[in-house]
Amino acid sequence: MKRKLLTQMLTEWRSNLWMIVELIIVIAVLQFIFSFLCVMSDMHSENRGYDLNNIYVGNINVIPSDSPEYQPYDSLHNRFTDRDMLMGRLRSNPYVEVAGVGSNNAMPYSYNYYGQTFGLVEKDTTYTYQGNQRQMTPDVIRAIRLQGLHGETPEQLAAIMEKGDILLSGIDKDFSDNLIDPEIMRGRDVFIGDTSNVRHVGALAYGMRRNDFEPLFAGVAYTPLSENQWGEQLVVRVIDGAGDRFMASLGREDKMQGNVYISDLRSIDVIRDRAHLQYTQSIRNFVICAGFIMMVIFLGFLGTFWFRTQQRVGEIAIRKINGATDGSIFRRFVSEGIIMLLISTVITVPLLVALLNSGVLDAIGIQSVGTGVIVRGYIITIAVLALLIALGIWAPARRAMNINPAYALKDQ
């Protein structure tokens, strides 16, 4: 049976050769596409350690002193007292769970980066930790429900920050292998920038990524805003499902106090969608490309085996007269397609291994995501192609099974 099948395939070697060449090209392209989609899926599903549902973010602005709307301050008031009164009014809103203030990079989906060095001197060794410093009030920790790496709750982390301590994040060793493990700094005093600014590391928390498709390229430091520091960003957590009612409840007087006002107050979902636009467009384009390629493969095998069915009517009739079952005829057709796929796979596997060992992926930054993702993309590619080939051959094979031997031989 197998020998006859191979003999049959050799007699049609020209069309089979072109199908194998096409499969080799398709495997290479689909493997890249599926590896990319696997990376995006892994990044997006990674445990974040914080909850951004029901979060609203706005800008805290100050009317400049040269504006006609500026209201001069007396000795008891300034922009900080205006801000505190405005925050108190917001916190009294029935739809607000908690509200806090942060720097302009306190929240994700903003590409502002305030890189800072945190150092620990121990005997003759200085350990340094590089991180994106995100300054905020403890209420922001409560709002985003940040979790500690050692099981600390958001309330516990906020209490640590209220004492003036800082929080450091863990690191992604796949991307930050040159950084020290921050565990060595937990519970110790570290200097920020230089030895004149010393703070205590109260706990380790999950790192906040810039967006959901990007890893932590470095650490993250959550540091408290001091009384004389101005925070540009308002962070509000509303009661679950009350976002629209919260926005509708805000009048002009609720967003302004003296010379301080809130602008651009939006759900973080809107900010997230804008920050992810480039990624979602890339994913969409890759999916469309993969769909087109898979459709071509499906139609290619459908057309090829439809033609072969017409050419083999007499042969199929003779096989059925000699006891061939519908199942054996179906398996024969499908086996031809799977054999071509296996030949293509055997040819592309050494090419994939050579690519992984060539250093080319390192140069373009793909190797850093791990060869396991690339291998997974390859396995998905082969599985999808096997299914498409079976589906493409199914209709011609069904037609072959329905051939009436008597009529077929009479026509011959």
Protein backbone atom coordinates (compact mmCIF):
# COMPACT_ATOMS: atom_id res chain seq x y z
CA MET A 1 0.00 0.00 0.00
CA LYS A 2 2.73 2.45 1.05
CA ARG A 3 4.89 1.47 -1.92
CA LYS A 4 2.02 2.01 -4.33
CA LEU A 5 1.28 5.37 -2.74
CA LEU A 6 4.89 6.53 -3.14
CA THR A 7 4.92 5.24 -6.73
CA GLN A 8 1.77 7.21 -7.46
CA MET A 9 3.29 10.35 -5.96
CA LEU A 10 6.46 9.94 -8.02
CA THR A 11 4.43 9.82 -11.22
CA GLU A 12 3.06 13.25 -10.30
CA TRP A 13 6.40 14.57 -9.09
CA ARG A 14 6.19 17.92 -10.86
CA SER A 15 3.03 19.10 -9.12
CA ASN A 16 4.17 17.53 -5.85
CA LEU A 17 7.51 19.33 -6.05
CA TRP A 18 5.82 22.68 -6.48
CA MET A 19 3.50 21.93 -3.56
CA ILE A 20 6.51 21.05 -1.37
CA VAL A 21 8.32 24.26 -2.35
CA GLU A 22 5.17 26.21 -1.54
CA LEU A 23 4.88 24.47 1.82
CA ILE A 24 8.50 25.25 2.72
CA ILE A 25 7.92 28.95 2.06
CA VAL A 26 4.61 28.91 3.91
CA ILE A 27 6.12 27.12 6.94
CA ALA A 28 8.86 29.76 7.18
CA VAL A 29 6.40 32.65 6.99
CA LEU A 30 3.73 31.16 9.27
CA GLN A 31 6.34 30.11 11.82
CA PHE A 32 7.45 33.74 12.13
CA ILE A 33 3.86 34.97 12.36
CA PHE A 34 2.80 32.42 14.98
CA SER A 35 5.97 33.03 17.03
CA PHE A 36 5.18 36.75 17.03
CA LEU A 37 1.59 36.08 18.11
CA CYS A 38 2.83 33.73 20.86
CA VAL A 39 5.12 36.46 22.18
CA MET A 40 2.28 38.98 22.19
CA SER A 41 -0.04 36.50 23.91
CA ASP A 42 2.53 35.63 26.58
CA MET A 43 3.25 39.28 27.31
CA HIS A 44 -0.42 40.23 27.50
CA SER A 45 -1.35 37.33 29.78
CA GLU A 46 1.58 37.81 32.17
CA ASN A 47 0.58 38.29 35.80
CA ARG A 48 0.70 42.03 36.45
CA GLY A 49 0.23 42.11 40.22
CA TYR A 50 -2.09 45.13 40.08
CA ASP A 51 -5.67 45.83 39.04
CA LEU A 52 -6.50 48.68 36.65
CA ASN A 53 -10.22 48.02 36.33
CA ASN A 54 -12.44 51.02 37.21
CA ILE A 55 -9.46 53.38 37.19
CA TYR A 56 -9.76 56.96 35.90
CA VAL A 57 -6.75 59.17 35.25
CA GLY A 58 -6.57 62.93 34.77
CA ASN A 59 -4.07 65.79 34.74
CA ILE A 60 -3.71 68.20 37.67
CA ASN A 61 -2.96 71.68 36.32
CA VAL A 62 -2.30 75.13 37.77
CA ILE A 63 -3.48 78.40 36.22
CA PRO A 64 -0.35 80.49 35.49
CA SER A 65 0.09 83.70 37.43
CA ASP A 66 -0.04 85.85 34.27
CA SER A 67 -3.49 84.53 33.34
CA PRO A 68 -6.50 86.84 33.87
CA GLU A 69 -8.24 83.94 35.66
CA TYR A 70 -5.45 83.64 38.25
CA GLN A 71 -6.52 84.25 41.85
CA PRO A 72 -3.76 85.64 44.11
CA TYR A 73 -3.02 83.68 47.28
CA ASP A 74 -2.86 84.96 50.82
CA SER A 75 -0.45 83.77 53.48
CA LEU A 76 -2.60 80.75 54.34
CA HIS A 77 -3.25 79.38 50.88
CA ASN A 78 -1.23 78.14 47.93
CA ARG A 79 -1.58 75.66 45.11
CA PHE A 80 -1.09 72.74 47.51
CA THR A 81 -4.03 73.78 49.68
CA ASP A 82 -6.12 74.16 46.52
CA ARG A 83 -5.14 70.68 45.45
CA ASP A 84 -5.89 69.18 48.86
CA MET A 85 -9.36 70.77 48.91
CA LEU A 86 -10.02 69.51 45.39
CA MET A 87 -8.93 65.99 46.35
CA GLY A 88 -11.16 66.10 49.43
CA ARG A 89 -14.12 67.02 47.25
CA LEU A 90 -13.38 64.15 44.88
CA ARG A 91 -13.03 61.65 47.71
CA SER A 92 -16.47 62.66 48.98
CA ASN A 93 -18.03 61.70 45.64
CA PRO A 94 -20.35 58.71 46.27
CA TYR A 95 -18.91 56.84 43.32
CA VAL A 96 -15.24 57.20 44.33
CA GLU A 97 -13.55 54.38 46.23
CA VAL A 98 -10.11 55.99 46.58
CA ALA A 99 -8.22 58.85 44.92
CA GLY A 100 -4.54 59.71 44.91
CA VAL A 101 -1.88 61.82 43.22
CA GLY A 102 1.16 60.72 41.27
CA SER A 103 3.91 61.99 39.02
CA ASN A 104 3.42 62.12 35.26
CA ASN A 105 4.71 58.55 34.94
CA ALA A 106 2.89 57.10 37.95
CA MET A 107 0.56 55.05 35.75
CA PRO A 108 1.20 52.68 32.84
CA TYR A 109 0.45 53.44 29.17
CA SER A 110 2.66 56.50 29.47
CA TYR A 111 6.12 56.38 27.96
CA ASN A 112 7.58 58.92 30.37
CA TYR A 113 10.63 57.29 31.95
CA TYR A 114 12.38 58.64 35.02
CA GLY A 115 15.41 56.38 35.28
CA GLN A 116 17.11 56.32 38.65
CA THR A 117 19.95 54.41 40.29
CA PHE A 118 19.45 52.87 43.72
CA GLY A 119 22.60 51.85 45.51
CA LEU A 120 23.55 49.74 48.51
CA VAL A 121 27.02 49.91 50.02
CA GLU A 122 28.07 46.76 51.81
CA LYS A 123 31.67 46.56 53.02
CA ASP A 124 33.78 47.11 49.92
CA THR A 125 30.99 46.36 47.43
CA THR A 126 28.38 48.72 45.98
CA TYR A 127 25.24 47.09 44.59
CA THR A 128 23.19 49.13 42.16
CA TYR A 129 19.63 48.70 40.96
CA GLN A 130 18.32 50.57 37.92
CA GLY A 131 14.64 51.41 37.86
CA ASN A 132 11.90 53.65 36.56
CA GLN A 133 11.01 55.84 39.53
CA ARG A 134 7.24 56.23 39.83
CA GLN A 135 6.32 58.78 42.49
CA MET A 136 2.88 58.66 44.07
CA THR A 137 0.88 59.02 47.24
CA PRO A 138 -0.05 55.86 49.17
CA ASP A 139 -3.64 56.19 47.92
CA VAL A 140 -2.43 55.38 44.40
CA ILE A 141 -1.09 52.07 45.73
CA ARG A 142 -4.56 51.42 47.14
CA ALA A 143 -6.26 52.51 43.91
CA ILE A 144 -4.32 50.15 41.65
CA ARG A 145 -4.36 47.40 44.31
CA LEU A 146 -0.65 46.74 43.99
CA GLN A 147 0.46 43.37 45.38
CA GLY A 148 3.71 42.61 47.20
CA LEU A 149 6.05 39.87 46.04
CA HIS A 150 5.96 38.35 49.53
CA GLY A 151 2.18 38.42 49.86
CA GLU A 152 1.78 41.99 51.10
CA THR A 153 -1.68 43.44 50.48
CA PRO A 154 -2.25 46.86 48.88
CA GLU A 155 -3.13 48.27 52.30
CA GLN A 156 0.11 46.96 53.79
CA LEU A 157 2.19 48.42 50.95
CA ALA A 158 0.38 51.75 51.29
CA ALA A 159 1.13 51.77 55.03
CA ILE A 160 4.81 51.11 54.28
CA MET A 161 4.86 54.04 51.87
CA GLU A 162 3.10 56.28 54.43
CA LYS A 163 6.13 55.82 56.66
CA GLY A 164 8.30 57.27 53.88
CA ASP A 165 9.73 53.93 52.74
CA ILE A 166 10.05 52.99 49.09
CA LEU A 167 9.03 49.87 47.19
CA LEU A 168 11.20 48.12 44.62
CA SER A 169 9.90 45.70 42.02
CA GLY A 170 11.19 42.35 41.01
CA ILE A 171 12.98 42.12 37.68
CA ASP A 172 12.47 40.08 34.53
CA LYS A 173 15.70 38.10 34.35
CA ASP A 174 15.19 37.40 30.65
CA PHE A 175 15.59 41.10 29.94
CA SER A 176 17.42 42.40 33.02
CA ASP A 177 20.14 39.82 33.59
CA ASN A 178 22.63 42.62 34.25
CA LEU A 179 20.69 43.88 37.28
CA ILE A 180 21.11 42.62 40.81
CA ASP A 181 18.31 40.78 42.55
CA PRO A 182 16.48 43.49 44.56
CA GLU A 183 15.94 40.97 47.35
CA ILE A 184 19.34 42.02 48.68
CA MET A 185 17.95 45.55 49.25
CA ARG A 186 14.71 44.57 50.98
CA GLY A 187 14.61 45.96 54.51
CA ARG A 188 17.82 47.94 53.97
CA ASP A 189 18.70 51.60 53.51
CA VAL A 190 19.69 52.54 49.96
CA PHE A 191 20.80 55.78 48.36
CA ILE A 192 18.97 57.28 45.40
CA GLY A 193 21.27 58.87 42.87
CA ASP A 194 23.93 59.78 45.44
CA THR A 195 24.60 59.10 49.10
CA SER A 196 22.94 62.34 50.23
CA ASN A 197 19.47 60.90 49.51
CA VAL A 198 18.95 57.76 51.60
CA ARG A 199 15.64 55.87 51.80
CA HIS A 200 14.53 52.61 53.35
CA VAL A 201 13.26 49.77 51.12
CA GLY A 202 10.13 48.63 52.92
CA ALA A 203 9.04 45.82 50.59
CA LEU A 204 9.22 44.35 47.11
CA ALA A 205 6.20 44.67 44.82
CA TYR A 206 5.21 43.69 41.32
CA GLY A 207 6.65 45.90 38.61
CA MET A 208 4.43 48.15 36.53
CA ARG A 209 5.08 47.73 32.82
CA ARG A 210 4.74 50.64 30.41
CA ASN A 211 2.13 48.70 28.45
CA ASP A 212 0.67 45.18 28.35
CA PHE A 213 2.83 44.03 25.44
CA GLU A 214 6.19 45.11 26.77
CA PRO A 215 8.31 43.33 29.40
CA LEU A 216 10.05 44.97 32.32
CA PHE A 217 13.31 46.03 30.72
CA ALA A 218 14.46 47.33 34.10
CA GLY A 219 13.16 47.56 37.64
CA VAL A 220 10.47 49.85 39.02
CA ALA A 221 10.69 51.95 42.17
CA TYR A 222 7.55 53.25 43.86
CA THR A 223 8.52 56.29 45.92
CA PRO A 224 6.23 58.56 47.99
CA LEU A 225 5.56 62.14 47.00
CA SER A 226 6.78 64.48 49.70
CA GLU A 227 4.68 67.38 50.97
CA ASN A 228 6.54 69.91 48.82
CA GLN A 229 6.40 67.82 45.63
CA TRP A 230 3.74 68.49 43.03
CA GLY A 231 2.00 65.56 41.40
CA GLU A 232 0.77 66.06 37.85
CA GLN A 233 -1.51 63.02 37.66
CA LEU A 234 -4.81 62.26 39.35
CA VAL A 235 -5.65 58.57 39.90
CA VAL A 236 -9.20 57.61 40.92
CA ARG A 237 -10.72 54.18 41.51
CA VAL A 238 -14.48 54.23 41.23
CA ILE A 239 -16.97 51.71 42.57
CA ASP A 240 -17.27 48.70 40.29
CA GLY A 241 -19.49 49.54 37.31
CA ALA A 242 -20.01 53.18 38.33
CA GLY A 243 -17.64 54.78 35.82
CA ASP A 244 -20.29 56.46 33.67
CA ARG A 245 -22.21 57.71 36.72
CA PHE A 246 -18.99 59.07 38.19
CA MET A 247 -18.18 61.05 35.05
CA ALA A 248 -21.77 62.34 34.80
CA SER A 249 -21.70 63.48 38.43
CA LEU A 250 -18.74 65.82 37.93
CA GLY A 251 -19.53 69.46 37.33
CA ARG A 252 -17.09 72.28 36.67
CA GLU A 253 -16.88 73.08 40.39
CA ASP A 254 -15.93 69.46 41.13
CA LYS A 255 -12.89 69.70 38.87
CA MET A 256 -11.61 73.11 39.92
CA GLN A 257 -10.51 74.76 43.15
CA GLY A 258 -8.86 78.16 43.18
CA ASN A 259 -6.03 78.02 40.66
CA VAL A 260 -5.94 74.22 40.43
CA TYR A 261 -8.06 72.30 37.98
CA ILE A 262 -8.35 68.79 36.55
CA SER A 263 -8.26 68.19 32.81
CA ASP A 264 -8.33 65.18 30.51
CA LEU A 265 -10.05 62.93 33.03
CA ARG A 266 -10.54 59.60 31.23
CA SER A 267 -10.95 55.92 31.88
CA ILE A 268 -7.65 54.12 31.77
CA ASP A 269 -9.25 51.79 29.21
CA VAL A 270 -9.23 54.67 26.71
CA ILE A 271 -5.60 55.46 27.51
CA ARG A 272 -4.72 51.77 27.19
CA ASP A 273 -6.35 51.45 23.78
CA ARG A 274 -4.42 54.45 22.45
CA ALA A 275 -1.13 53.18 23.87
CA HIS A 276 -1.76 49.74 22.35
CA LEU A 277 -2.82 51.02 18.94
CA GLN A 278 0.47 50.16 17.24
CA TYR A 279 0.49 46.68 18.79
CA THR A 280 -3.13 45.91 17.93
CA GLN A 281 -2.59 47.07 14.37
CA SER A 282 0.48 44.84 14.05
CA ILE A 283 -1.42 41.86 15.48
CA ARG A 284 -4.33 42.53 13.10
CA ASN A 285 -1.99 42.74 10.10
CA PHE A 286 -0.20 39.52 11.06
CA VAL A 287 -3.51 37.69 11.54
CA ILE A 288 -4.78 38.89 8.15
CA CYS A 289 -1.52 37.82 6.51
CA ALA A 290 -1.68 34.40 8.18
CA GLY A 291 -5.31 33.98 7.15
CA PHE A 292 -4.51 34.82 3.52
CA ILE A 293 -1.61 32.36 3.44
CA MET A 294 -3.70 29.60 4.99
CA MET A 295 -6.49 30.24 2.48
CA VAL A 296 -3.97 29.90 -0.38
CA ILE A 297 -2.74 26.58 1.02
CA PHE A 298 -6.31 25.34 1.43
CA LEU A 299 -7.31 26.32 -2.10
CA GLY A 300 -4.06 24.93 -3.51
CA PHE A 301 -4.63 21.46 -2.11
CA LEU A 302 -8.35 21.62 -2.92
CA GLY A 303 -7.66 22.42 -6.58
CA THR A 304 -4.77 19.98 -6.93
CA PHE A 305 -6.62 16.99 -5.51
CA TRP A 306 -9.86 17.89 -7.28
CA PHE A 307 -7.93 17.64 -10.53
CA ARG A 308 -6.28 14.39 -9.42
CA THR A 309 -9.66 12.89 -8.59
CA GLN A 310 -10.79 13.48 -12.19
CA GLN A 311 -7.58 11.93 -13.50
CA ARG A 312 -7.90 8.84 -11.29
CA VAL A 313 -11.55 7.92 -11.85
CA GLY A 314 -10.69 4.61 -13.51
CA GLU A 315 -8.03 3.73 -10.95
CA ILE A 316 -10.37 4.47 -8.04
CA ALA A 317 -13.14 2.36 -9.65
CA ILE A 318 -10.80 -0.61 -10.05
CA ARG A 319 -9.66 -0.28 -6.41
CA LYS A 320 -13.26 -0.27 -5.22
CA ILE A 321 -14.11 -3.35 -7.30
CA ASN A 322 -11.10 -5.09 -5.70
CA GLY A 323 -12.36 -4.40 -2.20
CA ALA A 324 -11.06 -0.91 -1.36
CA THR A 325 -13.28 0.79 1.20
CA ASP A 326 -14.31 4.43 1.27
CA GLY A 327 -12.09 4.88 4.33
CA SER A 328 -9.00 3.51 2.62
CA ILE A 329 -9.54 5.78 -0.40
CA PHE A 330 -9.98 8.78 1.87
CA ARG A 331 -6.83 7.92 3.83
CA ARG A 332 -4.88 7.48 0.61
CA PHE A 333 -5.70 11.00 -0.55
CA VAL A 334 -5.00 12.56 2.84
CA SER A 335 -1.76 10.60 3.18
CA GLU A 336 -0.43 12.18 -0.01
CA GLY A 337 -0.89 15.66 1.43
CA ILE A 338 0.55 14.73 4.83
CA ILE A 339 3.61 13.12 3.20
CA MET A 340 4.29 16.36 1.33
CA LEU A 341 3.97 18.25 4.60
CA LEU A 342 6.37 15.84 6.34
CA ILE A 343 8.93 16.24 3.55
CA SER A 344 8.65 20.03 3.86
CA THR A 345 9.02 19.77 7.63
CA VAL A 346 12.15 17.61 7.36
CA ILE A 347 13.66 20.21 5.05
CA THR A 348 12.76 23.21 7.23
CA VAL A 349 13.80 21.76 10.62
CA PRO A 350 17.56 21.99 9.87
CA LEU A 351 17.00 25.52 8.57
CA LEU A 352 15.27 26.45 11.84
CA VAL A 353 18.05 24.90 13.95
CA ALA A 354 20.68 26.76 11.91
CA LEU A 355 18.77 30.01 12.39
CA LEU A 356 18.54 29.53 16.16
CA ASN A 357 22.29 28.87 16.38
CA SER A 358 23.39 31.55 13.93
CA GLY A 359 23.17 34.53 16.28
CA VAL A 360 20.96 36.42 13.82
CA LEU A 361 18.03 36.41 16.25
CA ASP A 362 20.26 37.86 18.97
CA ALA A 363 21.18 40.72 16.66
CA ILE A 364 17.56 41.68 16.03
CA GLY A 365 16.40 41.10 19.62
CA ILE A 366 14.19 38.05 19.05
CA GLN A 367 16.35 35.49 20.81
CA SER A 368 15.78 37.29 24.12
CA VAL A 369 12.19 36.06 24.22
CA GLY A 370 13.45 32.47 24.27
CA THR A 371 13.80 29.78 21.65
CA GLY A 372 10.87 27.98 23.27
CA VAL A 373 8.49 30.55 21.79
CA ILE A 374 9.96 30.01 18.32
CA VAL A 375 9.68 26.23 18.65
CA ARG A 376 6.09 26.61 19.86
CA GLY A 377 5.32 28.77 16.83
CA TYR A 378 6.82 26.08 14.60
CA ILE A 379 4.71 23.32 16.18
CA ILE A 380 1.54 25.41 15.81
CA THR A 381 2.43 26.04 12.16
CA ILE A 382 2.78 22.33 11.37
CA ALA A 383 -0.42 21.46 13.23
CA VAL A 384 -2.42 24.18 11.45
CA LEU A 385 -1.07 23.19 8.04
CA ALA A 386 -1.89 19.52 8.67
CA LEU A 387 -5.47 20.50 9.48
CA LEU A 388 -5.74 22.77 6.43
CA ILE A 389 -4.36 20.08 4.15
CA ALA A 390 -6.86 17.55 5.50
CA LEU A 391 -9.71 20.05 5.01
CA GLY A 392 -8.52 20.93 1.51
CA ILE A 393 -8.41 17.27 0.50
CA TRP A 394 -11.67 16.35 2.21
CA ALA A 395 -14.03 17.47 -0.62
CA PRO A 396 -12.07 15.76 -3.44
CA ALA A 397 -11.68 12.65 -1.30
CA ARG A 398 -15.43 12.57 -0.62
CA ARG A 399 -16.03 12.86 -4.36
CA ALA A 400 -13.66 9.95 -4.95
CA MET A 401 -15.48 7.81 -2.39
CA ASN A 402 -18.81 8.43 -4.14
CA ILE A 403 -17.60 7.21 -7.54
CA ASN A 404 -19.78 4.41 -8.86
CA PRO A 405 -17.36 1.75 -10.21
CA ALA A 406 -19.78 0.47 -12.86
CA TYR A 407 -20.42 3.89 -14.38
CA ALA A 408 -16.79 4.90 -14.08
CA LEU A 409 -15.50 1.80 -15.91
CA LYS A 410 -18.22 2.12 -18.54
CA ASP A 411 -17.09 5.68 -19.30
CA GLN A 412 -13.49 4.46 -19.53
